[in-house]
Amino acid sequence: MKKFKTDILILGSGGAGLFAALHAHQRDPQLSITVAVKGLLGKCGCTRMVQGGYNVALAEGDSVERHFMDTIEGGKWLPDQELAWTLVSVAVERIHELENELGCFFDRNPDGTVHQKAFAGQTFDRTVHKGDLTGIEIINRLAEQVWARGIDRLEEHRAVEFVKNAAGDALAGVLMIDMRSGEFVFVQAQAVLLATGGGPTMYKFHTPSGDKTCDGMAMALRAGLMLRDMEMVQFHPTGLIAGPHTRITGTIIEEGLRGSGGYLLNGAGERFMDNYDPRGERATRDIVSRGMYEEMRAGRVGPRGGLYITMRHLDPVMVRRMFKGMVERCADCGFDLVSGLVDVVPTAHYMMGGVAFRTDCTTDLPGLFVAGEDSGGVHGANRLGGNGVANSTVFGGIAGDAMPQWVKANGGFHEPDPQAIEAAVASCRAPLTRPAGDLNAIREALYEGMWDDVGIVRDAASLQRAAGKLDELEARLDRVGVGSEDLSFNLAWHDWLNLKNLILVSQSIRFAAIAREDSRGAHFRADFPDVRDLENSRYTCVTWRDGRFAIDTKPVVFSRVKPGETLLL
């Protein structure tokens, strides 16, 4: 096993990880900083896939307070208000940093001001963008700056376990696998940032790439950390249906289409969203997804089993200019976005839940910081479109500022518990000792079970069915091997590890969904359809210890505004 030290280890190279690396280097260039990533830096992760844009209060008439109220109300009063305030206030600073220091080019109005487009669930057009390819612009500029500073990289290295010291009261480092050779690597670090991203790829239709398998959340659970709001899985209303033969099915047709006046149609060609919400297609993602799901359950679908989005009633020049990437993506799949119909379905997109953390990105495990989609509490029950990449960059920068200061005040290299390393290695190597089995059948069963029973609409009966299905899938997975000792880019082995993590996190979603006996945002219980008792809102807490889940709830602290009140004058 290879072993080496770095002062700061950053897991993930999306917006959170790369911003953290740059800020940490700026704070203290003498510290050794290493970015570890499952794929290639600048070429993987969810931030790169962002199409829509970045929410920030810049324009005349908008305000940080207005952005905050939209975030709190969209999150159904479950967000941690100090985290939400940090998001909306620091976003203003961060967007200027992206433009003026990192070189991002965002679209502009004729008068030179930054163009901000409409996104669903917001009371002001505040989404900064680069056409519909905003994420590529941000990640390309961030990656360039990381490369220019000579920050160390561990590419094609997957993190598999947090390793504590022998006393169990501090983080010693992270056990990883070099995917190129299959060799285990232990990285000892004074401070670690968890920024691997979420990725609800346990659902039949999902937007993230298949390598996003909730690894960080699973590692956090196994380390005994508390995860909050895990029942809150966001479904984006418009995922492309391109057929079962391609992984492009489920990828996003971006929200700006509806913000710009696009219509959703059922299989009979009828608009239907006005039946579910007076805002129609511009309602929040949870409401639109649920309306679409109800149309599908009623059988009002097209030949592919989904619904349609159309822009054909709008100016074709505007559509081609504003949504060039979407027009081309649809054309690649045989659809005419400008003048035709595009088949769509709600698709699992983002996890509002994650590791509980503080405004300085610290967690309850000394030495571990968290930022981005691995964290929970910023969005509550529903994330506004455009708040995701803002979340990653805002808190990634904060973590980068905080870690060098923490290292100086509290740091030191802890010796790892050797038994913990041995146990983690044995667990990872277990499938290598068993005959190869059908991993794809397990994956497909997970897709179907989570979509049907723990998806857009849930109830006690479906969640109970899911319990049996998930337990059975885990037992099947533990009997299945990958049947190969060639560990170099052994994709079957990594598929097994991915499924192990996905099943664990799926169980946490199910347990949290059982605990919440009302409907809030992305969590809709058919047997408890009402939003209840906002004034006494509580959030769910999930921990995993000794092979069992423990569920608790804690009161939301209304530190800035209470239900029924507003910060707006």
Protein backbone atom coordinates (compact mmCIF):
# COMPACT_ATOMS: atom_id res chain seq x y z
CA MET A 1 0.00 0.00 0.00
CA LYS A 2 1.27 3.43 -0.93
CA LYS A 3 1.29 6.07 1.79
CA PHE A 4 1.96 9.80 1.67
CA LYS A 5 1.15 13.03 3.47
CA THR A 6 -0.45 16.29 2.43
CA ASP A 7 -1.50 19.17 4.64
CA ILE A 8 -4.88 19.57 2.95
CA LEU A 9 -6.65 16.84 0.99
CA ILE A 10 -9.61 17.84 -1.18
CA LEU A 11 -11.91 15.05 -2.35
CA GLY A 12 -13.59 16.14 -5.57
CA SER A 13 -12.82 18.54 -8.40
CA GLY A 14 -16.16 20.23 -9.01
CA GLY A 15 -16.91 23.84 -8.17
CA ALA A 16 -16.54 23.24 -4.42
CA GLY A 17 -13.27 21.32 -4.61
CA LEU A 18 -11.49 23.60 -7.07
CA PHE A 19 -12.59 26.80 -5.35
CA ALA A 20 -11.38 25.36 -2.07
CA ALA A 21 -7.99 24.49 -3.59
CA LEU A 22 -7.53 28.00 -4.97
CA HIS A 23 -8.59 29.75 -1.77
CA ALA A 24 -6.46 27.48 0.43
CA HIS A 25 -3.42 28.10 -1.78
CA GLN A 26 -4.04 31.85 -1.65
CA ARG A 27 -4.35 31.76 2.14
CA ASP A 28 -1.13 29.83 2.66
CA PRO A 29 0.98 28.92 -0.40
CA GLN A 30 3.40 27.01 1.84
CA LEU A 31 0.86 24.31 2.65
CA SER A 32 0.80 21.18 0.52
CA ILE A 33 -2.63 20.86 -1.11
CA THR A 34 -3.80 17.78 -3.02
CA VAL A 35 -6.96 17.40 -5.08
CA ALA A 36 -8.10 13.80 -5.44
CA VAL A 37 -10.71 12.97 -8.04
CA LYS A 38 -12.41 9.79 -9.27
CA GLY A 39 -11.99 10.89 -12.88
CA LEU A 40 -9.87 13.59 -14.51
CA LEU A 41 -9.61 17.09 -13.10
CA GLY A 42 -11.70 19.50 -15.16
CA LYS A 43 -13.42 16.71 -17.09
CA CYS A 44 -15.77 15.12 -14.56
CA GLY A 45 -18.23 16.02 -11.84
CA CYS A 46 -21.61 17.70 -11.79
CA THR A 47 -20.55 21.37 -11.92
CA ARG A 48 -19.25 20.86 -15.43
CA MET A 49 -22.71 19.62 -16.43
CA VAL A 50 -24.50 22.76 -15.19
CA GLN A 51 -26.52 24.26 -18.02
CA GLY A 52 -28.75 26.86 -16.43
CA GLY A 53 -26.69 29.25 -14.39
CA TYR A 54 -25.83 30.89 -11.09
CA ASN A 55 -28.31 32.74 -8.86
CA VAL A 56 -27.12 36.04 -7.46
CA ALA A 57 -28.81 39.33 -6.58
CA LEU A 58 -27.14 41.87 -8.86
CA ALA A 59 -29.85 43.71 -10.77
CA GLU A 60 -31.69 46.86 -9.81
CA GLY A 61 -34.83 45.90 -7.91
CA ASP A 62 -33.40 42.62 -6.66
CA SER A 63 -31.74 42.20 -3.28
CA VAL A 64 -29.95 39.67 -1.09
CA GLU A 65 -33.00 39.72 1.16
CA ARG A 66 -35.28 38.84 -1.74
CA HIS A 67 -33.00 36.01 -2.84
CA PHE A 68 -32.95 34.78 0.76
CA MET A 69 -36.75 34.79 1.06
CA ASP A 70 -37.11 32.90 -2.23
CA THR A 71 -34.62 30.32 -0.94
CA ILE A 72 -36.34 29.92 2.44
CA GLU A 73 -39.86 29.79 1.01
CA GLY A 74 -38.79 27.47 -1.80
CA GLY A 75 -37.18 25.22 0.82
CA LYS A 76 -40.49 25.15 2.74
CA TRP A 77 -38.92 26.71 5.85
CA LEU A 78 -36.53 23.82 6.42
CA PRO A 79 -33.22 25.45 5.40
CA ASP A 80 -30.68 26.38 8.04
CA GLN A 81 -31.14 30.14 7.83
CA GLU A 82 -27.53 31.03 8.59
CA LEU A 83 -26.33 28.71 5.83
CA ALA A 84 -28.93 30.13 3.43
CA TRP A 85 -27.94 33.70 4.30
CA THR A 86 -24.29 32.85 3.72
CA LEU A 87 -25.22 31.42 0.33
CA VAL A 88 -27.09 34.44 -0.97
CA SER A 89 -24.80 37.09 0.49
CA VAL A 90 -21.43 35.56 -0.45
CA ALA A 91 -22.75 34.70 -3.93
CA VAL A 92 -22.46 38.40 -4.81
CA GLU A 93 -18.77 38.37 -3.91
CA ARG A 94 -18.20 35.05 -5.63
CA ILE A 95 -19.71 36.02 -9.00
CA HIS A 96 -17.37 39.01 -9.20
CA GLU A 97 -14.47 36.73 -8.32
CA LEU A 98 -15.48 34.34 -11.11
CA GLU A 99 -15.52 37.17 -13.65
CA ASN A 100 -12.74 39.48 -12.54
CA GLU A 101 -10.19 37.07 -11.05
CA LEU A 102 -10.83 33.76 -12.78
CA GLY A 103 -11.81 35.04 -16.21
CA CYS A 104 -15.33 33.65 -16.69
CA PHE A 105 -17.30 35.26 -19.51
CA PHE A 106 -21.01 35.42 -18.76
CA ASP A 107 -23.69 36.68 -21.14
CA ARG A 108 -24.38 40.40 -21.07
CA ASN A 109 -27.12 42.85 -21.92
CA PRO A 110 -26.65 45.49 -24.66
CA ASP A 111 -25.78 48.06 -21.98
CA GLY A 112 -22.94 45.89 -20.70
CA THR A 113 -24.59 44.65 -17.52
CA VAL A 114 -24.65 40.94 -16.78
CA HIS A 115 -27.67 39.22 -18.30
CA GLN A 116 -29.82 37.36 -15.79
CA LYS A 117 -32.55 35.02 -16.95
CA ALA A 118 -35.71 33.67 -15.37
CA PHE A 119 -35.64 30.43 -13.42
CA ALA A 120 -38.58 28.62 -11.85
CA GLY A 121 -39.60 29.34 -8.26
CA GLN A 122 -38.00 32.79 -8.07
CA THR A 123 -39.56 36.21 -7.87
CA PHE A 124 -36.80 37.91 -9.85
CA ASP A 125 -34.73 37.10 -12.93
CA ARG A 126 -31.37 36.56 -11.22
CA THR A 127 -29.70 33.61 -12.98
CA VAL A 128 -26.30 34.56 -14.43
CA HIS A 129 -25.27 32.27 -17.28
CA LYS A 130 -23.05 31.55 -20.26
CA GLY A 131 -25.74 30.53 -22.75
CA ASP A 132 -26.84 27.12 -21.53
CA LEU A 133 -23.29 25.87 -20.96
CA THR A 134 -22.50 27.75 -17.75
CA GLY A 135 -20.84 24.87 -15.93
CA ILE A 136 -18.27 24.27 -18.64
CA GLU A 137 -17.27 27.93 -18.51
CA ILE A 138 -16.83 27.87 -14.73
CA ILE A 139 -14.97 24.55 -14.50
CA ASN A 140 -12.65 25.35 -17.41
CA ARG A 141 -11.53 28.59 -15.77
CA LEU A 142 -11.18 27.00 -12.32
CA ALA A 143 -9.18 24.07 -13.67
CA GLU A 144 -6.84 26.41 -15.55
CA GLN A 145 -6.09 28.31 -12.36
CA VAL A 146 -5.48 25.12 -10.36
CA TRP A 147 -3.08 23.83 -13.01
CA ALA A 148 -1.29 27.19 -13.13
CA ARG A 149 -0.62 27.09 -9.39
CA GLY A 150 0.91 23.64 -9.46
CA ILE A 151 -1.51 22.21 -6.90
CA ASP A 152 -0.98 18.46 -6.53
CA ARG A 153 -3.48 16.11 -8.15
CA LEU A 154 -4.45 12.49 -7.64
CA GLU A 155 -6.51 11.71 -10.72
CA GLU A 156 -8.40 8.45 -11.17
CA HIS A 157 -8.20 7.85 -7.43
CA ARG A 158 -11.42 7.02 -5.64
CA ALA A 159 -11.86 7.61 -1.92
CA VAL A 160 -13.29 4.57 -0.13
CA GLU A 161 -13.08 5.30 3.63
CA PHE A 162 -12.35 7.97 6.18
CA VAL A 163 -9.75 6.66 8.63
CA LYS A 164 -9.68 8.03 12.17
CA ASN A 165 -6.91 7.86 14.74
CA ALA A 166 -6.84 4.98 17.24
CA ALA A 167 -8.84 7.00 19.78
CA GLY A 168 -11.52 7.67 17.17
CA ASP A 169 -11.71 11.36 18.00
CA ALA A 170 -10.00 12.88 14.94
CA LEU A 171 -9.56 12.24 11.25
CA ALA A 172 -6.18 10.80 10.29
CA GLY A 173 -6.65 10.55 6.54
CA VAL A 174 -8.43 8.82 3.69
CA LEU A 175 -8.04 5.36 2.19
CA MET A 176 -8.18 5.46 -1.60
CA ILE A 177 -7.86 3.16 -4.59
CA ASP A 178 -5.64 4.08 -7.52
CA MET A 179 -8.05 3.01 -10.26
CA ARG A 180 -5.23 2.79 -12.80
CA SER A 181 -3.50 -0.02 -10.92
CA GLY A 182 -6.00 -1.18 -8.31
CA GLU A 183 -3.48 -0.41 -5.57
CA PHE A 184 -4.65 0.93 -2.22
CA VAL A 185 -3.32 4.34 -1.20
CA PHE A 186 -3.51 5.91 2.25
CA VAL A 187 -3.31 9.70 2.26
CA GLN A 188 -2.56 11.20 5.66
CA ALA A 189 -3.82 14.76 5.99
CA GLN A 190 -4.25 17.46 8.59
CA ALA A 191 -7.53 18.65 7.04
CA VAL A 192 -9.82 16.97 4.52
CA LEU A 193 -12.59 18.56 2.44
CA LEU A 194 -15.43 16.28 1.40
CA ALA A 195 -16.63 17.68 -1.94
CA THR A 196 -17.33 14.56 -4.00
CA GLY A 197 -20.86 15.67 -4.90
CA GLY A 198 -24.06 13.73 -4.37
CA GLY A 199 -25.59 12.23 -7.44
CA PRO A 200 -28.91 10.38 -6.97
CA THR A 201 -28.08 7.73 -9.55
CA MET A 202 -30.07 5.08 -7.67
CA TYR A 203 -33.17 6.17 -9.61
CA LYS A 204 -34.35 4.86 -12.99
CA PHE A 205 -34.09 8.33 -14.54
CA HIS A 206 -31.22 10.51 -13.28
CA THR A 207 -29.21 13.47 -14.51
CA PRO A 208 -25.69 12.89 -13.10
CA SER A 209 -23.13 10.72 -14.85
CA GLY A 210 -22.88 7.12 -13.71
CA ASP A 211 -19.67 7.71 -11.74
CA LYS A 212 -21.57 9.91 -9.26
CA THR A 213 -22.63 7.31 -6.71
CA CYS A 214 -22.93 9.14 -3.37
CA ASP A 215 -19.48 7.92 -2.32
CA GLY A 216 -18.88 10.83 0.05
CA MET A 217 -22.22 10.50 1.82
CA ALA A 218 -21.71 6.75 2.23
CA MET A 219 -18.24 7.33 3.69
CA ALA A 220 -19.68 9.93 6.06
CA LEU A 221 -22.36 7.48 7.23
CA ARG A 222 -19.79 4.76 7.88
CA ALA A 223 -17.71 7.29 9.82
CA GLY A 224 -20.67 7.93 12.14
CA LEU A 225 -21.50 11.43 10.92
CA MET A 226 -25.04 12.77 10.96
CA LEU A 227 -26.78 13.42 7.65
CA ARG A 228 -29.78 15.73 7.55
CA ASP A 229 -32.73 16.13 5.14
CA MET A 230 -31.96 12.88 3.32
CA GLU A 231 -35.59 12.40 2.30
CA MET A 232 -35.26 15.49 0.12
CA VAL A 233 -34.26 14.24 -3.33
CA GLN A 234 -34.95 16.75 -6.06
CA PHE A 235 -36.39 15.62 -9.36
CA HIS A 236 -35.80 17.98 -12.26
CA PRO A 237 -38.97 18.18 -14.32
CA THR A 238 -37.41 17.79 -17.75
CA GLY A 239 -35.05 14.89 -18.33
CA LEU A 240 -34.60 13.81 -21.93
CA ILE A 241 -36.08 10.48 -23.05
CA ALA A 242 -33.72 9.21 -25.73
CA GLY A 243 -34.40 5.49 -25.37
CA PRO A 244 -33.09 2.67 -23.16
CA HIS A 245 -30.08 2.13 -25.39
CA THR A 246 -28.31 5.33 -24.35
CA ARG A 247 -27.13 6.85 -21.07
CA ILE A 248 -28.19 10.28 -22.33
CA THR A 249 -31.73 9.38 -21.22
CA GLY A 250 -32.41 11.32 -18.03
CA THR A 251 -30.03 14.19 -18.76
CA ILE A 252 -31.48 17.65 -18.37
CA ILE A 253 -33.38 19.79 -20.78
CA GLU A 254 -32.62 22.94 -18.86
CA GLU A 255 -34.99 24.95 -16.71
CA GLY A 256 -34.42 28.18 -18.57
CA LEU A 257 -36.63 26.82 -21.35
CA ARG A 258 -39.64 26.95 -19.05
CA GLY A 259 -38.45 30.24 -17.59
CA SER A 260 -38.45 31.69 -21.10
CA GLY A 261 -41.99 30.52 -21.84
CA GLY A 262 -41.66 26.87 -22.86
CA TYR A 263 -44.77 24.72 -22.50
CA LEU A 264 -45.16 21.27 -21.02
CA LEU A 265 -47.66 19.09 -22.85
CA ASN A 266 -49.18 15.72 -22.04
CA GLY A 267 -49.52 12.87 -24.52
CA ALA A 268 -52.64 14.46 -26.02
CA GLY A 269 -50.73 17.69 -26.70
CA GLU A 270 -52.49 19.62 -23.91
CA ARG A 271 -50.90 22.01 -21.43
CA PHE A 272 -51.57 20.80 -17.91
CA MET A 273 -49.45 22.63 -15.35
CA ASP A 274 -52.10 25.30 -14.72
CA ASN A 275 -54.16 22.47 -13.22
CA TYR A 276 -51.51 21.99 -10.52
CA ASP A 277 -50.20 25.49 -9.76
CA PRO A 278 -51.12 29.04 -10.82
CA ARG A 279 -47.49 29.64 -11.81
CA GLY A 280 -47.82 26.91 -14.43
CA GLU A 281 -44.51 25.77 -15.87
CA ARG A 282 -42.62 28.29 -13.70
CA ALA A 283 -43.62 26.69 -10.41
CA THR A 284 -40.85 25.16 -8.27
CA ARG A 285 -39.26 21.94 -9.42
CA ASP A 286 -41.05 19.76 -6.88
CA ILE A 287 -44.49 20.97 -7.97
CA VAL A 288 -43.78 20.66 -11.69
CA SER A 289 -42.27 17.18 -11.28
CA ARG A 290 -45.26 16.06 -9.25
CA GLY A 291 -47.69 17.46 -11.80
CA MET A 292 -45.88 15.60 -14.56
CA TYR A 293 -45.84 12.41 -12.52
CA GLU A 294 -49.61 12.64 -11.98
CA GLU A 295 -50.15 13.01 -15.73
CA MET A 296 -48.00 9.95 -16.31
CA ARG A 297 -49.82 7.91 -13.64
CA ALA A 298 -53.12 8.85 -15.30
CA GLY A 299 -51.83 7.43 -18.59
CA ARG A 300 -51.73 10.74 -20.46
CA VAL A 301 -48.33 10.01 -21.98
CA GLY A 302 -46.68 9.88 -25.37
CA PRO A 303 -45.46 6.76 -27.18
CA ARG A 304 -42.19 6.74 -25.19
CA GLY A 305 -44.03 6.78 -21.87
CA GLY A 306 -43.25 10.40 -21.04
CA LEU A 307 -44.49 13.92 -21.74
CA TYR A 308 -43.33 16.77 -23.98
CA ILE A 309 -41.70 20.17 -23.80
CA THR A 310 -42.10 22.55 -26.71
CA MET A 311 -40.79 25.98 -27.71
CA ARG A 312 -42.48 26.09 -31.11
CA HIS A 313 -44.79 28.96 -30.11
CA LEU A 314 -41.77 31.20 -29.35
CA ASP A 315 -39.41 33.19 -31.57
CA PRO A 316 -37.13 30.58 -33.20
CA VAL A 317 -34.22 33.04 -33.43
CA MET A 318 -34.41 33.63 -29.69
CA VAL A 319 -34.55 29.90 -28.95
CA ARG A 320 -31.52 29.14 -31.15
CA ARG A 321 -29.54 32.04 -29.69
CA MET A 322 -30.31 31.51 -26.01
CA PHE A 323 -30.32 27.71 -25.97
CA LYS A 324 -27.75 26.72 -28.55
CA GLY A 325 -26.48 23.78 -26.48
CA MET A 326 -29.99 22.45 -25.86
CA VAL A 327 -30.95 22.75 -29.53
CA GLU A 328 -27.86 20.76 -30.51
CA ARG A 329 -28.33 18.12 -27.81
CA CYS A 330 -31.93 17.55 -28.84
CA ALA A 331 -30.95 17.37 -32.52
CA ASP A 332 -28.35 14.73 -31.68
CA CYS A 333 -31.19 12.62 -30.26
CA GLY A 334 -33.55 13.21 -33.17
CA PHE A 335 -35.66 16.02 -31.65
CA ASP A 336 -36.39 19.51 -32.97
CA LEU A 337 -36.43 21.80 -29.94
CA VAL A 338 -37.11 24.93 -32.02
CA SER A 339 -40.27 23.87 -33.84
CA GLY A 340 -41.19 20.38 -32.59
CA LEU A 341 -41.82 18.32 -29.48
CA VAL A 342 -39.15 16.87 -27.18
CA ASP A 343 -39.91 13.82 -25.02
CA VAL A 344 -39.21 14.44 -21.34
CA VAL A 345 -39.68 12.80 -17.94
CA PRO A 346 -38.95 13.94 -14.35
CA THR A 347 -35.42 12.90 -13.50
CA ALA A 348 -33.53 12.56 -10.19
CA HIS A 349 -31.19 15.51 -10.12
CA TYR A 350 -29.93 16.74 -6.75
CA MET A 351 -29.84 15.77 -3.10
CA MET A 352 -30.74 18.55 -0.71
CA GLY A 353 -29.67 16.31 2.16
CA GLY A 354 -26.13 15.62 3.23
CA VAL A 355 -23.59 15.94 6.02
CA ALA A 356 -24.58 18.40 8.75
CA PHE A 357 -22.11 21.29 8.79
CA ARG A 358 -21.53 24.83 10.01
CA THR A 359 -21.11 28.11 8.14
CA ASP A 360 -17.31 27.69 8.21
CA CYS A 361 -17.74 24.22 6.61
CA THR A 362 -16.57 22.31 9.70
CA THR A 363 -18.29 19.07 10.76
CA ASP A 364 -18.50 17.07 13.97
CA LEU A 365 -15.39 15.08 12.99
CA PRO A 366 -12.30 17.21 13.75
CA GLY A 367 -10.30 17.70 10.59
CA LEU A 368 -13.19 17.04 8.20
CA PHE A 369 -14.80 19.87 6.26
CA VAL A 370 -17.64 19.60 3.75
CA ALA A 371 -18.95 21.75 0.88
CA GLY A 372 -21.26 21.39 -2.10
CA GLU A 373 -23.81 18.65 -2.63
CA ASP A 374 -22.24 16.43 0.04
CA SER A 375 -23.51 18.95 2.61
CA GLY A 376 -27.03 19.32 3.97
CA GLY A 377 -29.07 22.20 5.34
CA VAL A 378 -28.59 24.96 2.77
CA HIS A 379 -31.66 24.22 0.62
CA GLY A 380 -34.10 22.54 2.99
CA ALA A 381 -36.91 20.75 1.18
CA ASN A 382 -36.27 22.15 -2.28
CA ARG A 383 -33.34 23.70 -4.12
CA LEU A 384 -34.04 26.61 -6.42
CA GLY A 385 -32.57 26.13 -9.87
CA GLY A 386 -29.37 28.19 -10.02
CA ASN A 387 -28.68 27.87 -6.28
CA GLY A 388 -26.65 24.67 -6.76
CA VAL A 389 -23.52 25.99 -8.45
CA ALA A 390 -23.73 29.04 -6.18
CA ASN A 391 -23.74 26.67 -3.19
CA SER A 392 -20.66 24.81 -4.45
CA THR A 393 -18.57 27.87 -5.20
CA VAL A 394 -19.64 29.87 -2.14
CA PHE A 395 -18.94 27.14 0.40
CA GLY A 396 -15.96 25.75 -1.51
CA GLY A 397 -14.29 29.15 -1.18
CA ILE A 398 -15.24 29.37 2.50
CA ALA A 399 -13.76 25.92 3.15
CA GLY A 400 -10.59 26.93 1.33
CA ASP A 401 -10.28 29.99 3.57
CA ALA A 402 -11.05 28.04 6.75
CA MET A 403 -8.83 24.98 6.36
CA PRO A 404 -5.42 26.74 6.47
CA GLN A 405 -6.53 28.67 9.54
CA TRP A 406 -7.75 25.46 11.17
CA VAL A 407 -4.48 23.68 10.36
CA LYS A 408 -2.51 26.49 11.94
CA ALA A 409 -4.63 26.52 15.11
CA ASN A 410 -5.56 22.85 15.52
CA GLY A 411 -3.66 20.84 12.97
CA GLY A 412 -1.23 18.03 13.16
CA PHE A 413 -0.90 14.65 11.51
CA HIS A 414 -2.74 11.94 13.44
CA GLU A 415 -1.56 8.37 13.20
CA PRO A 416 -4.24 6.20 11.58
CA ASP A 417 -5.83 3.25 13.31
CA PRO A 418 -4.20 0.28 11.52
CA GLN A 419 -7.16 -1.98 12.27
CA ALA A 420 -9.50 0.48 10.58
CA ILE A 421 -7.35 0.44 7.46
CA GLU A 422 -7.22 -3.36 7.44
CA ALA A 423 -11.00 -3.62 7.84
CA ALA A 424 -11.65 -1.13 5.04
CA VAL A 425 -9.27 -2.91 2.67
CA ALA A 426 -10.87 -6.27 3.47
CA SER A 427 -14.34 -4.85 2.82
CA CYS A 428 -13.29 -3.43 -0.55
CA ARG A 429 -11.53 -6.63 -1.59
CA ALA A 430 -14.44 -8.91 -0.60
CA PRO A 431 -16.02 -9.12 -4.09
CA LEU A 432 -12.65 -10.09 -5.59
CA THR A 433 -12.83 -13.42 -3.75
CA ARG A 434 -16.25 -14.43 -5.11
CA PRO A 435 -17.36 -15.70 -8.54
CA ALA A 436 -18.59 -13.04 -10.95
CA GLY A 437 -22.31 -12.30 -10.86
CA ASP A 438 -24.85 -10.10 -12.62
CA LEU A 439 -24.26 -6.62 -11.24
CA ASN A 440 -26.42 -5.06 -13.93
CA ALA A 441 -29.49 -6.96 -12.72
CA ILE A 442 -28.94 -5.57 -9.21
CA ARG A 443 -28.51 -2.06 -10.60
CA GLU A 444 -31.71 -2.27 -12.66
CA ALA A 445 -33.65 -3.60 -9.66
CA LEU A 446 -32.34 -0.68 -7.58
CA TYR A 447 -33.41 1.77 -10.31
CA GLU A 448 -36.93 0.38 -10.47
CA GLY A 449 -37.40 0.00 -6.72
CA MET A 450 -36.30 3.52 -5.85
CA TRP A 451 -38.29 5.07 -8.73
CA ASP A 452 -41.48 3.20 -7.83
CA ASP A 453 -41.35 3.25 -4.03
CA VAL A 454 -39.08 6.10 -2.84
CA GLY A 455 -39.54 8.48 -5.74
CA ILE A 456 -41.65 11.52 -6.53
CA VAL A 457 -44.68 10.25 -4.58
CA ARG A 458 -44.31 8.03 -1.49
CA ASP A 459 -46.47 6.51 1.22
CA ALA A 460 -46.04 4.13 4.16
CA ALA A 461 -46.80 1.08 2.02
CA SER A 462 -44.30 1.96 -0.71
CA LEU A 463 -41.58 2.79 1.81
CA GLN A 464 -42.17 -0.55 3.53
CA ARG A 465 -41.90 -2.34 0.18
CA ALA A 466 -38.64 -0.51 -0.43
CA ALA A 467 -37.25 -1.79 2.86
CA GLY A 468 -37.56 -5.39 1.75
CA LYS A 469 -36.25 -4.66 -1.73
CA LEU A 470 -33.18 -2.80 -0.50
CA ASP A 471 -32.36 -5.44 2.11
CA GLU A 472 -32.64 -8.12 -0.55
CA LEU A 473 -30.47 -6.17 -3.01
CA GLU A 474 -27.77 -5.69 -0.40
CA ALA A 475 -27.81 -9.42 0.39
CA ARG A 476 -27.59 -10.22 -3.33
CA LEU A 477 -24.71 -7.80 -3.77
CA ASP A 478 -22.82 -9.36 -0.85
CA ARG A 479 -23.09 -12.76 -2.55
CA VAL A 480 -21.88 -11.47 -5.90
CA GLY A 481 -18.25 -11.14 -6.91
CA VAL A 482 -16.40 -9.67 -9.85
CA GLY A 483 -14.25 -12.73 -10.53
CA SER A 484 -11.01 -11.06 -11.50
CA GLU A 485 -7.63 -10.41 -9.94
CA ASP A 486 -6.66 -7.91 -12.65
CA LEU A 487 -7.36 -4.73 -10.72
CA SER A 488 -6.18 -2.22 -13.31
CA PHE A 489 -9.27 -0.22 -14.33
CA ASN A 490 -11.40 -3.10 -13.11
CA LEU A 491 -14.75 -1.48 -13.83
CA ALA A 492 -16.75 -4.41 -12.48
CA TRP A 493 -15.02 -3.99 -9.12
CA HIS A 494 -15.78 -0.27 -9.08
CA ASP A 495 -19.37 -0.94 -10.13
CA TRP A 496 -19.66 -3.21 -7.09
CA LEU A 497 -18.28 -0.49 -4.81
CA ASN A 498 -20.61 2.04 -6.41
CA LEU A 499 -23.65 -0.15 -5.78
CA LYS A 500 -22.59 -0.74 -2.17
CA ASN A 501 -22.57 3.01 -1.58
CA LEU A 502 -25.79 3.63 -3.49
CA ILE A 503 -27.71 1.00 -1.52
CA LEU A 504 -26.52 2.41 1.81
CA VAL A 505 -27.50 5.96 0.87
CA SER A 506 -30.81 4.70 -0.57
CA GLN A 507 -31.57 3.17 2.81
CA SER A 508 -30.88 6.50 4.48
CA ILE A 509 -33.31 8.21 2.09
CA ARG A 510 -35.97 5.62 2.89
CA PHE A 511 -35.50 5.90 6.66
CA ALA A 512 -35.72 9.69 6.56
CA ALA A 513 -38.82 9.52 4.34
CA ILE A 514 -40.55 7.26 6.87
CA ALA A 515 -39.77 9.72 9.67
CA ARG A 516 -41.30 12.73 7.91
CA GLU A 517 -45.06 12.34 8.18
CA ASP A 518 -45.97 15.43 6.23
CA SER A 519 -45.25 16.71 2.74
CA ARG A 520 -42.56 19.33 2.18
CA GLY A 521 -41.05 20.33 -1.13
CA ALA A 522 -39.40 17.36 -2.79
CA HIS A 523 -40.80 14.94 -0.19
CA PHE A 524 -44.44 14.14 -0.94
CA ARG A 525 -46.28 11.57 1.18
CA ALA A 526 -49.57 10.55 -0.43
CA ASP A 527 -50.76 9.41 3.00
CA PHE A 528 -49.71 12.75 4.58
CA PRO A 529 -50.26 15.21 1.71
CA ASP A 530 -50.44 18.42 3.77
CA VAL A 531 -47.66 20.79 4.78
CA ARG A 532 -48.11 20.89 8.52
CA ASP A 533 -47.06 23.13 11.37
CA LEU A 534 -44.47 25.35 9.66
CA GLU A 535 -43.96 27.27 12.89
CA ASN A 536 -42.61 24.13 14.58
CA SER A 537 -40.63 22.75 11.64
CA ARG A 538 -38.15 19.98 12.36
CA TYR A 539 -35.51 18.43 10.12
CA THR A 540 -34.61 14.75 10.00
CA CYS A 541 -31.25 13.41 11.18
CA VAL A 542 -29.89 10.03 10.05
CA THR A 543 -26.87 8.25 11.52
CA TRP A 544 -25.43 4.79 10.86
CA ARG A 545 -23.80 2.95 13.73
CA ASP A 546 -23.13 -0.74 14.36
CA GLY A 547 -24.89 -1.71 11.16
CA ARG A 548 -28.14 0.07 12.02
CA PHE A 549 -29.76 3.38 11.15
CA ALA A 550 -30.88 5.77 13.87
CA ILE A 551 -33.39 8.50 13.09
CA ASP A 552 -33.98 11.70 15.02
CA THR A 553 -35.50 15.11 14.34
CA LYS A 554 -34.33 18.53 15.45
CA PRO A 555 -36.10 21.90 15.42
CA VAL A 556 -35.32 24.39 12.68
CA VAL A 557 -33.91 27.56 14.21
CA PHE A 558 -35.62 30.59 12.66
CA SER A 559 -32.64 32.83 13.28
CA ARG A 560 -33.61 35.54 10.78
CA VAL A 561 -37.26 35.17 9.83
CA LYS A 562 -40.22 33.08 10.96
CA PRO A 563 -43.05 31.58 8.88
CA GLY A 564 -45.53 34.29 8.07
CA GLU A 565 -42.84 36.99 8.25
CA THR A 566 -40.58 38.46 5.60
CA LEU A 567 -37.34 40.42 5.38
CA LEU A 568 -38.75 42.47 2.47
CA LEU A 569 -40.04 45.95 3.16
